Amino acid sequence: MEISQTSSAAPLSRGPTLKIFLDANTGVAEVTRQEGVTTQANEAAVVSKDIAVLFPNCLQPAVDLDDHPVVSFAINDMAIYDPYLSSCGRFVVSPEQYQLTHEQAKALVGLNKAIAQAAEDALNAGCLAIQTFLGVTQGDLASVHFSGNQQRLIIEGIFRDYAMSEVNFAQPNGD
């Protein structure tokens, strides 16, 4: 079963359009860019919007409370990476407190999840390529080698910067 939601708002002149179709049976969403490139994502958000609509402001780099690189909106001189939490991180709030819609808030939280997942996928793909070339049949050494968080944080930072570039380029003033 596919679920989709489309927007009647006219897309802005810049930036690709994302369409996300959620398979209700598997929980896997298929993400399609306007250019026709399709990838898989495990996100429950179902949207079809222009990137500049989902992310009305340019994104800023930040780190969360666990030191993971994340994207954020700069609102009132604060880096907001989870618009469902107060700026101190102790209270649940509505995204409207930050002048964001629930759809924009879901997009920000979802993008940060996608960044973490991209880093995990990159590590897994890299290890698999090396193990395949060397004929290694067990992944035990890889799990020990990458058990420290530092390598993952570096890779997450790389994907965070890339995600910011995509979103910021889609802004009407982005280049």
Protein backbone atom coordinates (compact mmCIF):
# COMPACT_ATOMS: atom_id res chain seq x y z
CA MET A 1 0.00 0.00 0.00
CA GLU A 2 1.43 3.35 -0.96
CA ILE A 3 0.51 6.57 0.77
CA SER A 4 1.25 9.89 -0.83
CA GLN A 5 0.44 13.49 -0.19
CA THR A 6 0.91 16.25 -2.67
CA SER A 7 0.91 19.96 -2.23
CA SER A 8 -1.26 22.33 -4.19
CA ALA A 9 1.24 25.13 -3.60
CA ALA A 10 3.18 26.17 -6.67
CA PRO A 11 6.82 25.12 -6.44
CA LEU A 12 9.49 27.79 -6.26
CA SER A 13 11.57 28.32 -9.35
CA ARG A 14 14.75 26.82 -7.85
CA GLY A 15 15.59 23.50 -6.33
CA PRO A 16 14.58 19.90 -6.92
CA THR A 17 11.23 18.56 -5.81
CA LEU A 18 11.13 15.57 -3.46
CA LYS A 19 8.32 13.03 -3.55
CA ILE A 20 8.20 10.48 -0.76
CA PHE A 21 5.91 7.43 -0.93
CA LEU A 22 5.57 5.37 2.25
CA ASP A 23 4.87 1.66 2.04
CA ALA A 24 2.57 1.15 5.04
CA ASN A 25 3.40 -2.58 5.21
CA THR A 26 7.18 -2.31 5.37
CA GLY A 27 7.61 1.22 6.76
CA VAL A 28 10.09 1.98 3.95
CA ALA A 29 9.73 5.23 2.07
CA GLU A 30 10.80 5.68 -1.54
CA VAL A 31 12.27 9.12 -2.17
CA THR A 32 12.19 10.44 -5.73
CA ARG A 33 13.82 13.69 -6.82
CA GLN A 34 12.35 15.66 -9.70
CA GLU A 35 15.30 14.57 -11.84
CA GLY A 36 14.13 10.96 -11.49
CA VAL A 37 16.82 9.67 -9.12
CA THR A 38 15.32 7.27 -6.57
CA THR A 39 16.76 6.24 -3.22
CA GLN A 40 15.41 4.37 -0.20
CA ALA A 41 14.83 6.02 3.18
CA ASN A 42 13.28 4.81 6.42
CA GLU A 43 11.24 7.91 7.14
CA ALA A 44 7.58 8.05 8.10
CA ALA A 45 7.14 11.58 6.76
CA VAL A 46 5.10 11.69 3.58
CA VAL A 47 5.70 14.87 1.64
CA SER A 48 5.84 16.26 -1.84
CA LYS A 49 7.29 19.74 -1.55
CA ASP A 50 9.97 21.92 -2.96
CA ILE A 51 13.07 21.85 -0.74
CA ALA A 52 12.86 25.62 -0.22
CA VAL A 53 9.32 25.22 1.16
CA LEU A 54 10.32 22.49 3.61
CA PHE A 55 13.40 24.43 4.69
CA PRO A 56 12.38 28.10 4.59
CA ASN A 57 15.70 29.32 5.96
CA CYS A 58 19.27 28.40 5.16
CA LEU A 59 20.56 25.61 7.37
CA GLN A 60 23.39 26.07 9.84
CA PRO A 61 25.83 23.45 11.17
CA ALA A 62 25.38 22.39 14.78
CA VAL A 63 26.01 19.43 17.08
CA ASP A 64 23.38 17.74 19.19
CA LEU A 65 23.67 16.91 22.88
CA ASP A 66 25.57 13.70 22.00
CA ASP A 67 28.07 15.64 19.81
CA HIS A 68 26.62 14.30 16.55
CA PRO A 69 26.81 16.76 13.64
CA VAL A 70 23.33 17.98 12.71
CA VAL A 71 21.71 20.69 10.63
CA SER A 72 19.72 23.42 12.31
CA PHE A 73 17.76 26.57 11.74
CA ALA A 74 19.19 29.70 13.32
CA ILE A 75 16.22 31.17 15.16
CA ASN A 76 16.67 34.06 17.61
CA ASP A 77 20.43 33.42 17.59
CA MET A 78 19.91 29.79 18.65
CA ALA A 79 20.67 26.63 16.70
CA ILE A 80 17.38 24.69 16.56
CA TYR A 81 17.91 21.14 15.32
CA ASP A 82 14.85 19.60 17.01
CA PRO A 83 11.91 22.00 16.83
CA TYR A 84 9.89 19.73 19.12
CA LEU A 85 12.15 20.64 22.07
CA SER A 86 12.70 23.93 23.87
CA SER A 87 16.02 25.68 23.22
CA CYS A 88 17.38 24.22 26.49
CA GLY A 89 16.31 20.72 25.38
CA ARG A 90 14.30 20.00 28.52
CA PHE A 91 10.71 20.71 27.44
CA VAL A 92 8.48 19.53 24.62
CA VAL A 93 7.23 22.45 22.55
CA SER A 94 5.27 23.01 19.37
CA PRO A 95 7.27 23.90 16.23
CA GLU A 96 5.09 27.01 15.95
CA GLN A 97 7.19 28.42 18.79
CA TYR A 98 9.96 28.70 16.20
CA GLN A 99 7.60 29.87 13.41
CA LEU A 100 7.79 26.45 11.73
CA THR A 101 4.98 24.24 10.48
CA HIS A 102 4.79 20.62 11.63
CA GLU A 103 5.78 19.58 8.10
CA GLN A 104 8.91 21.76 8.24
CA ALA A 105 9.73 20.42 11.70
CA LYS A 106 9.37 16.82 10.49
CA ALA A 107 11.60 17.61 7.52
CA LEU A 108 14.36 19.01 9.77
CA VAL A 109 14.22 16.06 12.18
CA GLY A 110 14.02 13.63 9.23
CA LEU A 111 17.02 15.21 7.50
CA ASN A 112 19.10 14.83 10.65
CA LYS A 113 18.08 11.15 10.85
CA ALA A 114 18.97 10.74 7.17
CA ILE A 115 22.43 12.24 7.80
CA ALA A 116 23.12 9.72 10.57
CA GLN A 117 21.80 6.88 8.39
CA ALA A 118 23.94 8.01 5.43
CA ALA A 119 27.05 7.82 7.62
CA GLU A 120 26.12 4.33 8.83
CA ASP A 121 25.40 3.18 5.25
CA ALA A 122 28.71 4.63 4.02
CA LEU A 123 30.65 2.81 6.74
CA ASN A 124 28.87 -0.45 5.98
CA ALA A 125 29.40 -0.12 2.22
CA GLY A 126 33.08 0.74 2.65
CA CYS A 127 33.71 -2.18 4.99
CA LEU A 128 31.86 -4.55 2.67
CA ALA A 129 33.92 -3.43 -0.35
CA ILE A 130 37.19 -4.01 1.50
CA GLN A 131 36.03 -7.32 3.01
CA THR A 132 34.86 -8.54 -0.40
CA PHE A 133 38.17 -7.65 -2.04
CA LEU A 134 40.17 -9.34 0.73
CA GLY A 135 37.86 -12.35 0.95
CA VAL A 136 36.97 -11.62 4.58
CA THR A 137 33.82 -13.48 5.57
CA GLN A 138 33.38 -12.15 9.11
CA GLY A 139 32.73 -8.51 10.05
CA ASP A 140 33.99 -8.83 13.61
CA LEU A 141 37.15 -6.76 13.11
CA ALA A 142 35.24 -3.99 11.36
CA SER A 143 32.79 -3.73 14.24
CA VAL A 144 35.68 -3.46 16.71
CA HIS A 145 37.61 -1.01 14.51
CA PHE A 146 34.62 1.31 14.10
CA SER A 147 33.21 0.88 17.60
CA GLY A 148 34.64 4.28 18.56
CA ASN A 149 32.40 7.18 17.73
CA GLN A 150 35.06 9.47 16.24
CA GLN A 151 35.09 7.99 12.71
CA ARG A 152 31.31 8.05 12.55
CA LEU A 153 31.19 11.69 13.69
CA ILE A 154 33.63 12.69 10.94
CA ILE A 155 31.52 10.95 8.29
CA GLU A 156 28.30 12.42 9.72
CA GLY A 157 29.92 15.86 9.48
CA ILE A 158 30.71 15.30 5.82
CA PHE A 159 27.11 14.30 5.06
CA ARG A 160 25.78 17.18 7.19
CA ASP A 161 27.79 19.64 5.11
CA TYR A 162 26.53 18.06 1.89
CA ALA A 163 22.89 18.19 3.08
CA MET A 164 23.30 21.86 3.99
CA SER A 165 24.71 22.56 0.53
CA GLU A 166 21.70 20.93 -1.16
CA VAL A 167 19.16 22.78 0.99
CA ASN A 168 20.92 26.12 0.92
CA PHE A 169 21.35 25.93 -2.86
CA ALA A 170 17.59 25.45 -3.19
CA GLN A 171 16.93 28.73 -1.36
CA PRO A 172 15.85 31.63 -3.58
CA ASN A 173 19.12 33.43 -2.75
CA GLY A 174 21.27 30.26 -2.77
CA ASP A 175 23.92 29.72 -5.40
